[in-house]
PDB file of N, CA and C in Angstrom:
ATOM      1  N   UNK A   1      -3.044   5.186 -16.378  1.00  0.00           N
ATOM      2  CA  UNK A   1      -2.619   4.885 -15.017  1.00  0.00           C
ATOM      3  C   UNK A   1      -3.561   5.606 -14.043  1.00  0.00           C
ATOM      4  N   UNK A   2      -3.857   4.952 -12.963  1.00  0.00           N
ATOM      5  CA  UNK A   2      -4.730   5.521 -11.938  1.00  0.00           C
ATOM      6  C   UNK A   2      -3.943   6.498 -11.066  1.00  0.00           C
ATOM      7  N   UNK A   3      -4.646   7.171 -10.169  1.00  0.00           N
ATOM      8  CA  UNK A   3      -3.959   8.150  -9.338  1.00  0.00           C
ATOM      9  C   UNK A   3      -3.807   7.676  -7.890  1.00  0.00           C
ATOM     10  N   UNK A   4      -3.084   8.477  -7.144  1.00  0.00           N
ATOM     11  CA  UNK A   4      -2.726   8.193  -5.746  1.00  0.00           C
ATOM     12  C   UNK A   4      -3.961   7.979  -4.871  1.00  0.00           C
ATOM     13  N   UNK A   5      -4.971   8.814  -5.017  1.00  0.00           N
ATOM     14  CA  UNK A   5      -6.165   8.705  -4.184  1.00  0.00           C
ATOM     15  C   UNK A   5      -6.887   7.386  -4.432  1.00  0.00           C
ATOM     16  N   UNK A   6      -6.987   6.982  -5.691  1.00  0.00           N
ATOM     17  CA  UNK A   6      -7.644   5.712  -6.014  1.00  0.00           C
ATOM     18  C   UNK A   6      -6.917   4.537  -5.359  1.00  0.00           C
ATOM     19  N   UNK A   7      -5.589   4.566  -5.413  1.00  0.00           N
ATOM     20  CA  UNK A   7      -4.809   3.482  -4.827  1.00  0.00           C
ATOM     21  C   UNK A   7      -4.937   3.470  -3.306  1.00  0.00           C
ATOM     22  N   UNK A   8      -4.866   4.619  -2.671  1.00  0.00           N
ATOM     23  CA  UNK A   8      -5.058   4.705  -1.214  1.00  0.00           C
ATOM     24  C   UNK A   8      -6.441   4.189  -0.824  1.00  0.00           C
ATOM     25  N   UNK A   9      -7.458   4.607  -1.569  1.00  0.00           N
ATOM     26  CA  UNK A   9      -8.823   4.161  -1.279  1.00  0.00           C
ATOM     27  C   UNK A   9      -8.947   2.650  -1.407  1.00  0.00           C
ATOM     28  N   UNK A  10      -8.307   2.065  -2.405  1.00  0.00           N
ATOM     29  CA  UNK A  10      -8.369   0.613  -2.609  1.00  0.00           C
ATOM     30  C   UNK A  10      -7.678  -0.117  -1.461  1.00  0.00           C
ATOM     31  N   UNK A  11      -6.539   0.391  -1.017  1.00  0.00           N
ATOM     32  CA  UNK A  11      -5.829  -0.226   0.110  1.00  0.00           C
ATOM     33  C   UNK A  11      -6.715  -0.191   1.346  1.00  0.00           C
ATOM     34  N   UNK A  12      -7.359   0.934   1.581  1.00  0.00           N
ATOM     35  CA  UNK A  12      -8.254   1.043   2.752  1.00  0.00           C
ATOM     36  C   UNK A  12      -9.489   0.155   2.596  1.00  0.00           C
ATOM     37  N   UNK A  13      -9.931  -0.063   1.358  1.00  0.00           N
ATOM     38  CA  UNK A  13     -11.062  -0.965   1.115  1.00  0.00           C
ATOM     39  C   UNK A  13     -10.676  -2.402   1.453  1.00  0.00           C
ATOM     40  N   UNK A  14      -9.484  -2.808   1.030  1.00  0.00           N
ATOM     41  CA  UNK A  14      -9.011  -4.173   1.285  1.00  0.00           C
ATOM     42  C   UNK A  14      -8.671  -4.354   2.764  1.00  0.00           C
ATOM     43  N   UNK A  15      -8.060  -3.338   3.365  1.00  0.00           N
ATOM     44  CA  UNK A  15      -7.643  -3.372   4.773  1.00  0.00           C
ATOM     45  C   UNK A  15      -8.273  -2.205   5.524  1.00  0.00           C
ATOM     46  N   UNK A  16      -9.556  -2.319   5.902  1.00  0.00           N
ATOM     47  CA  UNK A  16     -10.235  -1.186   6.542  1.00  0.00           C
ATOM     48  C   UNK A  16      -9.648  -0.778   7.885  1.00  0.00           C
ATOM     49  N   UNK A  17      -8.862  -1.653   8.523  1.00  0.00           N
ATOM     50  CA  UNK A  17      -8.278  -1.292   9.813  1.00  0.00           C
ATOM     51  C   UNK A  17      -7.040  -0.411   9.670  1.00  0.00           C
ATOM     52  N   UNK A  18      -6.523  -0.244   8.445  1.00  0.00           N
ATOM     53  CA  UNK A  18      -5.413   0.681   8.242  1.00  0.00           C
ATOM     54  C   UNK A  18      -5.969   2.085   8.414  1.00  0.00           C
ATOM     55  N   UNK A  19      -5.323   2.850   9.245  1.00  0.00           N
ATOM     56  CA  UNK A  19      -5.799   4.184   9.570  1.00  0.00           C
ATOM     57  C   UNK A  19      -6.541   4.191  10.889  1.00  0.00           C
ATOM     58  N   UNK A  20      -7.384   3.182  11.104  1.00  0.00           N
ATOM     59  CA  UNK A  20      -8.150   3.129  12.337  1.00  0.00           C
ATOM     60  C   UNK A  20      -7.367   2.511  13.488  1.00  0.00           C
ATOM     61  N   UNK A  21      -6.417   1.653  13.186  1.00  0.00           N
ATOM     62  CA  UNK A  21      -5.669   1.000  14.263  1.00  0.00           C
ATOM     63  C   UNK A  21      -4.316   1.670  14.478  1.00  0.00           C
ATOM     64  N   UNK A  22      -4.187   2.903  14.042  1.00  0.00           N
ATOM     65  CA  UNK A  22      -2.940   3.622  14.253  1.00  0.00           C
ATOM     66  C   UNK A  22      -1.934   3.449  13.136  1.00  0.00           C
ATOM     67  N   UNK A  23      -2.321   2.746  12.083  1.00  0.00           N
ATOM     68  CA  UNK A  23      -1.421   2.583  10.942  1.00  0.00           C
ATOM     69  C   UNK A  23      -1.834   3.583   9.872  1.00  0.00           C
ATOM     70  N   UNK A  24      -0.907   4.436   9.484  1.00  0.00           N
ATOM     71  CA  UNK A  24      -1.165   5.424   8.444  1.00  0.00           C
ATOM     72  C   UNK A  24      -0.591   4.930   7.131  1.00  0.00           C
ATOM     73  N   UNK A  25      -1.275   5.209   6.056  1.00  0.00           N
ATOM     74  CA  UNK A  25      -0.804   4.794   4.735  1.00  0.00           C
ATOM     75  C   UNK A  25      -0.659   6.025   3.851  1.00  0.00           C
ATOM     76  N   UNK A  26       0.404   6.027   3.057  1.00  0.00           N
ATOM     77  CA  UNK A  26       0.610   7.075   2.075  1.00  0.00           C
ATOM     78  C   UNK A  26       1.094   6.414   0.796  1.00  0.00           C
ATOM     79  N   UNK A  27       0.707   6.972  -0.317  1.00  0.00           N
ATOM     80  CA  UNK A  27       1.093   6.438  -1.617  1.00  0.00           C
ATOM     81  C   UNK A  27       1.651   7.578  -2.457  1.00  0.00           C
ATOM     82  N   UNK A  28       2.791   7.339  -3.084  1.00  0.00           N
ATOM     83  CA  UNK A  28       3.370   8.300  -4.019  1.00  0.00           C
ATOM     84  C   UNK A  28       3.868   7.535  -5.231  1.00  0.00           C
ATOM     85  N   UNK A  29       4.071   8.255  -6.307  1.00  0.00           N
ATOM     86  CA  UNK A  29       4.632   7.626  -7.507  1.00  0.00           C
ATOM     87  C   UNK A  29       6.077   8.044  -7.640  1.00  0.00           C
ATOM     88  N   UNK A  30       6.972   7.067  -7.729  1.00  0.00           N
ATOM     89  CA  UNK A  30       8.402   7.318  -7.875  1.00  0.00           C
ATOM     90  C   UNK A  30       8.731   7.317  -9.366  1.00  0.00           C
ATOM     91  N   UNK A  31       8.953   8.507  -9.916  1.00  0.00           N
ATOM     92  CA  UNK A  31       9.243   8.641 -11.348  1.00  0.00           C
ATOM     93  C   UNK A  31      10.524   7.900 -11.747  1.00  0.00           C
ATOM     94  N   UNK A  32      11.518   7.939 -10.872  1.00  0.00           N
ATOM     95  CA  UNK A  32      12.797   7.303 -11.178  1.00  0.00           C
ATOM     96  C   UNK A  32      12.655   5.786 -11.308  1.00  0.00           C
ATOM     97  N   UNK A  33      11.922   5.176 -10.372  1.00  0.00           N
ATOM     98  CA  UNK A  33      11.726   3.715 -10.394  1.00  0.00           C
ATOM     99  C   UNK A  33      10.528   3.283 -11.217  1.00  0.00           C
ATOM    100  N   UNK A  34       9.715   4.251 -11.621  1.00  0.00           N
ATOM    101  CA  UNK A  34       8.490   3.966 -12.371  1.00  0.00           C
ATOM    102  C   UNK A  34       7.625   2.970 -11.625  1.00  0.00           C
ATOM    103  N   UNK A  35       7.409   3.254 -10.328  1.00  0.00           N
ATOM    104  CA  UNK A  35       6.618   2.371  -9.473  1.00  0.00           C
ATOM    105  C   UNK A  35       5.928   3.188  -8.386  1.00  0.00           C
ATOM    106  N   UNK A  36       4.821   2.657  -7.884  1.00  0.00           N
ATOM    107  CA  UNK A  36       4.138   3.250  -6.743  1.00  0.00           C
ATOM    108  C   UNK A  36       4.880   2.890  -5.468  1.00  0.00           C
ATOM    109  N   UNK A  37       5.014   3.838  -4.565  1.00  0.00           N
ATOM    110  CA  UNK A  37       5.620   3.606  -3.256  1.00  0.00           C
ATOM    111  C   UNK A  37       4.485   3.625  -2.237  1.00  0.00           C
ATOM    112  N   UNK A  38       4.295   2.497  -1.550  1.00  0.00           N
ATOM    113  CA  UNK A  38       3.289   2.408  -0.498  1.00  0.00           C
ATOM    114  C   UNK A  38       4.045   2.472   0.820  1.00  0.00           C
ATOM    115  N   UNK A  39       3.704   3.458   1.632  1.00  0.00           N
ATOM    116  CA  UNK A  39       4.416   3.745   2.873  1.00  0.00           C
ATOM    117  C   UNK A  39       3.447   3.584   4.042  1.00  0.00           C
ATOM    118  N   UNK A  40       3.745   2.635   4.936  1.00  0.00           N
ATOM    119  CA  UNK A  40       2.937   2.438   6.139  1.00  0.00           C
ATOM    120  C   UNK A  40       3.717   2.916   7.345  1.00  0.00           C
ATOM    121  N   UNK A  41       3.029   3.628   8.247  1.00  0.00           N
ATOM    122  CA  UNK A  41       3.670   4.142   9.459  1.00  0.00           C
ATOM    123  C   UNK A  41       2.798   3.827  10.656  1.00  0.00           C
ATOM    124  N   UNK A  42       3.455   3.440  11.738  1.00  0.00           N
ATOM    125  CA  UNK A  42       2.784   3.264  13.021  1.00  0.00           C
ATOM    126  C   UNK A  42       3.790   3.606  14.106  1.00  0.00           C
ATOM    127  N   UNK A  43       3.453   4.585  14.922  1.00  0.00           N
ATOM    128  CA  UNK A  43       4.356   5.061  15.959  1.00  0.00           C
ATOM    129  C   UNK A  43       5.707   5.415  15.334  1.00  0.00           C
ATOM    130  N   UNK A  44       6.792   4.814  15.828  1.00  0.00           N
ATOM    131  CA  UNK A  44       8.115   5.136  15.290  1.00  0.00           C
ATOM    132  C   UNK A  44       8.529   4.203  14.143  1.00  0.00           C
ATOM    133  N   UNK A  45       7.668   3.265  13.777  1.00  0.00           N
ATOM    134  CA  UNK A  45       7.983   2.307  12.714  1.00  0.00           C
ATOM    135  C   UNK A  45       7.443   2.792  11.370  1.00  0.00           C
ATOM    136  N   UNK A  46       8.247   2.564  10.338  1.00  0.00           N
ATOM    137  CA  UNK A  46       7.840   2.933   8.990  1.00  0.00           C
ATOM    138  C   UNK A  46       8.402   1.910   8.019  1.00  0.00           C
ATOM    139  N   UNK A  47       7.547   1.428   7.126  1.00  0.00           N
ATOM    140  CA  UNK A  47       7.968   0.472   6.105  1.00  0.00           C
ATOM    141  C   UNK A  47       7.417   0.902   4.762  1.00  0.00           C
ATOM    142  N   UNK A  48       8.192   0.629   3.706  1.00  0.00           N
ATOM    143  CA  UNK A  48       7.789   0.974   2.347  1.00  0.00           C
ATOM    144  C   UNK A  48       7.910  -0.244   1.445  1.00  0.00           C
ATOM    145  N   UNK A  49       7.059  -0.261   0.435  1.00  0.00           N
ATOM    146  CA  UNK A  49       7.178  -1.269  -0.603  1.00  0.00           C
ATOM    147  C   UNK A  49       6.899  -0.599  -1.939  1.00  0.00           C
ATOM    148  N   UNK A  50       7.383  -1.203  -2.992  1.00  0.00           N
ATOM    149  CA  UNK A  50       7.165  -0.685  -4.341  1.00  0.00           C
ATOM    150  C   UNK A  50       6.186  -1.591  -5.058  1.00  0.00           C
ATOM    151  N   UNK A  51       5.261  -0.988  -5.763  1.00  0.00           N
ATOM    152  CA  UNK A  51       4.226  -1.711  -6.475  1.00  0.00           C
ATOM    153  C   UNK A  51       4.275  -1.287  -7.939  1.00  0.00           C
ATOM    154  N   UNK A  52       4.401  -2.273  -8.810  1.00  0.00           N
ATOM    155  CA  UNK A  52       4.448  -1.985 -10.238  1.00  0.00           C
ATOM    156  C   UNK A  52       3.117  -1.371 -10.687  1.00  0.00           C
ATOM    157  N   UNK A  53       3.168  -0.374 -11.567  1.00  0.00           N
ATOM    158  CA  UNK A  53       1.933   0.261 -12.040  1.00  0.00           C
ATOM    159  C   UNK A  53       0.938  -0.744 -12.637  1.00  0.00           C
ATOM    160  N   UNK A  54       1.455  -1.769 -13.311  1.00  0.00           N
ATOM    161  CA  UNK A  54       0.576  -2.769 -13.915  1.00  0.00           C
ATOM    162  C   UNK A  54      -0.215  -3.517 -12.842  1.00  0.00           C
ATOM    163  N   UNK A  55       0.433  -3.835 -11.711  1.00  0.00           N
ATOM    164  CA  UNK A  55      -0.252  -4.523 -10.611  1.00  0.00           C
ATOM    165  C   UNK A  55      -1.312  -3.623  -9.990  1.00  0.00           C
ATOM    166  N   UNK A  56      -0.974  -2.352  -9.796  1.00  0.00           N
ATOM    167  CA  UNK A  56      -1.929  -1.403  -9.231  1.00  0.00           C
ATOM    168  C   UNK A  56      -3.114  -1.217 -10.175  1.00  0.00           C
ATOM    169  N   UNK A  57      -2.838  -1.050 -11.471  1.00  0.00           N
ATOM    170  CA  UNK A  57      -3.913  -0.860 -12.450  1.00  0.00           C
ATOM    171  C   UNK A  57      -4.818  -2.079 -12.522  1.00  0.00           C
ATOM    172  N   UNK A  58      -4.234  -3.262 -12.492  1.00  0.00           N
ATOM    173  CA  UNK A  58      -5.030  -4.487 -12.539  1.00  0.00           C
ATOM    174  C   UNK A  58      -5.993  -4.556 -11.362  1.00  0.00           C
ATOM    175  N   UNK A  59      -5.512  -4.223 -10.198  1.00  0.00           N
ATOM    176  CA  UNK A  59      -6.347  -4.240  -8.996  1.00  0.00           C
ATOM    177  C   UNK A  59      -7.435  -3.173  -9.078  1.00  0.00           C
ATOM    178  N   UNK A  60      -7.064  -1.975  -9.443  1.00  0.00           N
ATOM    179  CA  UNK A  60      -8.022  -0.879  -9.504  1.00  0.00           C
ATOM    180  C   UNK A  60      -9.053  -1.066 -10.610  1.00  0.00           C
ATOM    181  N   UNK A  61      -8.699  -1.844 -11.625  1.00  0.00           N
ATOM    182  CA  UNK A  61      -9.635  -2.136 -12.713  1.00  0.00           C
ATOM    183  C   UNK A  61     -10.527  -3.334 -12.393  1.00  0.00           C
ATOM    184  N   UNK A  62     -10.389  -3.876 -11.166  1.00  0.00           N
ATOM    185  CA  UNK A  62     -11.246  -4.969 -10.732  1.00  0.00           C
ATOM    186  C   UNK A  62     -10.842  -6.341 -11.251  1.00  0.00           C
ATOM    187  N   UNK A  63      -9.608  -6.482 -11.714  1.00  0.00           N
ATOM    188  CA  UNK A  63      -9.170  -7.765 -12.275  1.00  0.00           C
ATOM    189  C   UNK A  63      -8.563  -8.664 -11.213  1.00  0.00           C
ATOM    190  N   UNK A  64      -7.512  -8.230 -10.577  1.00  0.00           N
ATOM    191  CA  UNK A  64      -6.865  -9.034  -9.540  1.00  0.00           C
ATOM    192  C   UNK A  64      -6.033  -8.147  -8.641  1.00  0.00           C
ATOM    193  N   UNK A  65      -6.107  -8.425  -7.334  1.00  0.00           N
ATOM    194  CA  UNK A  65      -5.396  -7.617  -6.339  1.00  0.00           C
ATOM    195  C   UNK A  65      -4.414  -8.461  -5.540  1.00  0.00           C
ATOM    196  N   UNK A  66      -3.960  -9.554  -6.099  1.00  0.00           N
ATOM    197  CA  UNK A  66      -3.088 -10.459  -5.352  1.00  0.00           C
ATOM    198  C   UNK A  66      -1.779  -9.774  -4.971  1.00  0.00           C
ATOM    199  N   UNK A  67      -1.095  -9.162  -5.934  1.00  0.00           N
ATOM    200  CA  UNK A  67       0.184  -8.509  -5.646  1.00  0.00           C
ATOM    201  C   UNK A  67       0.040  -7.418  -4.604  1.00  0.00           C
ATOM    202  N   UNK A  68      -0.943  -6.566  -4.787  1.00  0.00           N
ATOM    203  CA  UNK A  68      -1.189  -5.485  -3.831  1.00  0.00           C
ATOM    204  C   UNK A  68      -1.546  -6.055  -2.462  1.00  0.00           C
ATOM    205  N   UNK A  69      -2.430  -7.026  -2.431  1.00  0.00           N
ATOM    206  CA  UNK A  69      -2.867  -7.622  -1.166  1.00  0.00           C
ATOM    207  C   UNK A  69      -1.738  -8.264  -0.392  1.00  0.00           C
ATOM    208  N   UNK A  70      -0.905  -9.021  -1.082  1.00  0.00           N
ATOM    209  CA  UNK A  70       0.215  -9.702  -0.416  1.00  0.00           C
ATOM    210  C   UNK A  70       1.212  -8.691   0.139  1.00  0.00           C
ATOM    211  N   UNK A  71       1.566  -7.693  -0.655  1.00  0.00           N
ATOM    212  CA  UNK A  71       2.561  -6.714  -0.200  1.00  0.00           C
ATOM    213  C   UNK A  71       2.040  -5.900   0.983  1.00  0.00           C
ATOM    214  N   UNK A  72       0.787  -5.480   0.931  1.00  0.00           N
ATOM    215  CA  UNK A  72       0.228  -4.693   2.031  1.00  0.00           C
ATOM    216  C   UNK A  72       0.083  -5.561   3.277  1.00  0.00           C
ATOM    217  N   UNK A  73      -0.329  -6.817   3.107  1.00  0.00           N
ATOM    218  CA  UNK A  73      -0.461  -7.725   4.256  1.00  0.00           C
ATOM    219  C   UNK A  73       0.888  -7.916   4.947  1.00  0.00           C
ATOM    220  N   UNK A  74       1.955  -8.093   4.167  1.00  0.00           N
ATOM    221  CA  UNK A  74       3.293  -8.261   4.752  1.00  0.00           C
ATOM    222  C   UNK A  74       3.730  -6.992   5.476  1.00  0.00           C
ATOM    223  N   UNK A  75       3.513  -5.847   4.859  1.00  0.00           N
ATOM    224  CA  UNK A  75       3.881  -4.586   5.513  1.00  0.00           C
ATOM    225  C   UNK A  75       3.097  -4.412   6.808  1.00  0.00           C
ATOM    226  N   UNK A  76       1.787  -4.648   6.733  1.00  0.00           N
ATOM    227  CA  UNK A  76       0.932  -4.474   7.903  1.00  0.00           C
ATOM    228  C   UNK A  76       1.367  -5.412   9.030  1.00  0.00           C
ATOM    229  N   UNK A  77       1.672  -6.641   8.702  1.00  0.00           N
ATOM    230  CA  UNK A  77       2.117  -7.605   9.704  1.00  0.00           C
ATOM    231  C   UNK A  77       3.424  -7.148  10.348  1.00  0.00           C
ATOM    232  N   UNK A  78       4.373  -6.714   9.531  1.00  0.00           N
ATOM    233  CA  UNK A  78       5.653  -6.239  10.052  1.00  0.00           C
ATOM    234  C   UNK A  78       5.476  -5.000  10.937  1.00  0.00           C
ATOM    235  N   UNK A  79       4.636  -4.096  10.520  1.00  0.00           N
ATOM    236  CA  UNK A  79       4.381  -2.876  11.295  1.00  0.00           C
ATOM    237  C   UNK A  79       3.759  -3.234  12.657  1.00  0.00           C
ATOM    238  N   UNK A  80       2.751  -4.106  12.659  1.00  0.00           N
ATOM    239  CA  UNK A  80       2.071  -4.425  13.911  1.00  0.00           C
ATOM    240  C   UNK A  80       2.978  -5.222  14.855  1.00  0.00           C
ATOM    241  N   UNK A  81       3.970  -5.916  14.304  1.00  0.00           N
ATOM    242  CA  UNK A  81       4.924  -6.637  15.149  1.00  0.00           C
ATOM    243  C   UNK A  81       6.086  -5.741  15.559  1.00  0.00           C
ATOM    244  N   UNK A  82       6.156  -4.532  15.013  1.00  0.00           N
ATOM    245  CA  UNK A  82       7.211  -3.594  15.410  1.00  0.00           C
ATOM    246  C   UNK A  82       8.498  -3.758  14.652  1.00  0.00           C
ATOM    247  N   UNK A  83       8.442  -4.365  13.480  1.00  0.00           N
ATOM    248  CA  UNK A  83       9.649  -4.536  12.657  1.00  0.00           C
ATOM    249  C   UNK A  83       9.814  -3.286  11.812  1.00  0.00           C
ATOM    250  N   UNK A  84      11.043  -2.799  11.704  1.00  0.00           N
ATOM    251  CA  UNK A  84      11.275  -1.646  10.818  1.00  0.00           C
ATOM    252  C   UNK A  84      12.523  -1.862   9.998  1.00  0.00           C
TER     253      UNK A  84
END
């Protein structure tokens, strides 16, 4: 399994405006759910999604980033529209 920094770096690679447009991203591993937690914050809005380790590993191994891309795109869209 890859680590938190690799996943954060990949998210920023796919979405370079995260961080620069006021959206902060944090990634942690939830041992209880056995899934990565991707947390986006902008101003007073915060949204989280869970990403299966297999999806994260597939993306980080250069195979496919569809699951990660779709989930981050939805979070980013909701954050920029002010949905929480």
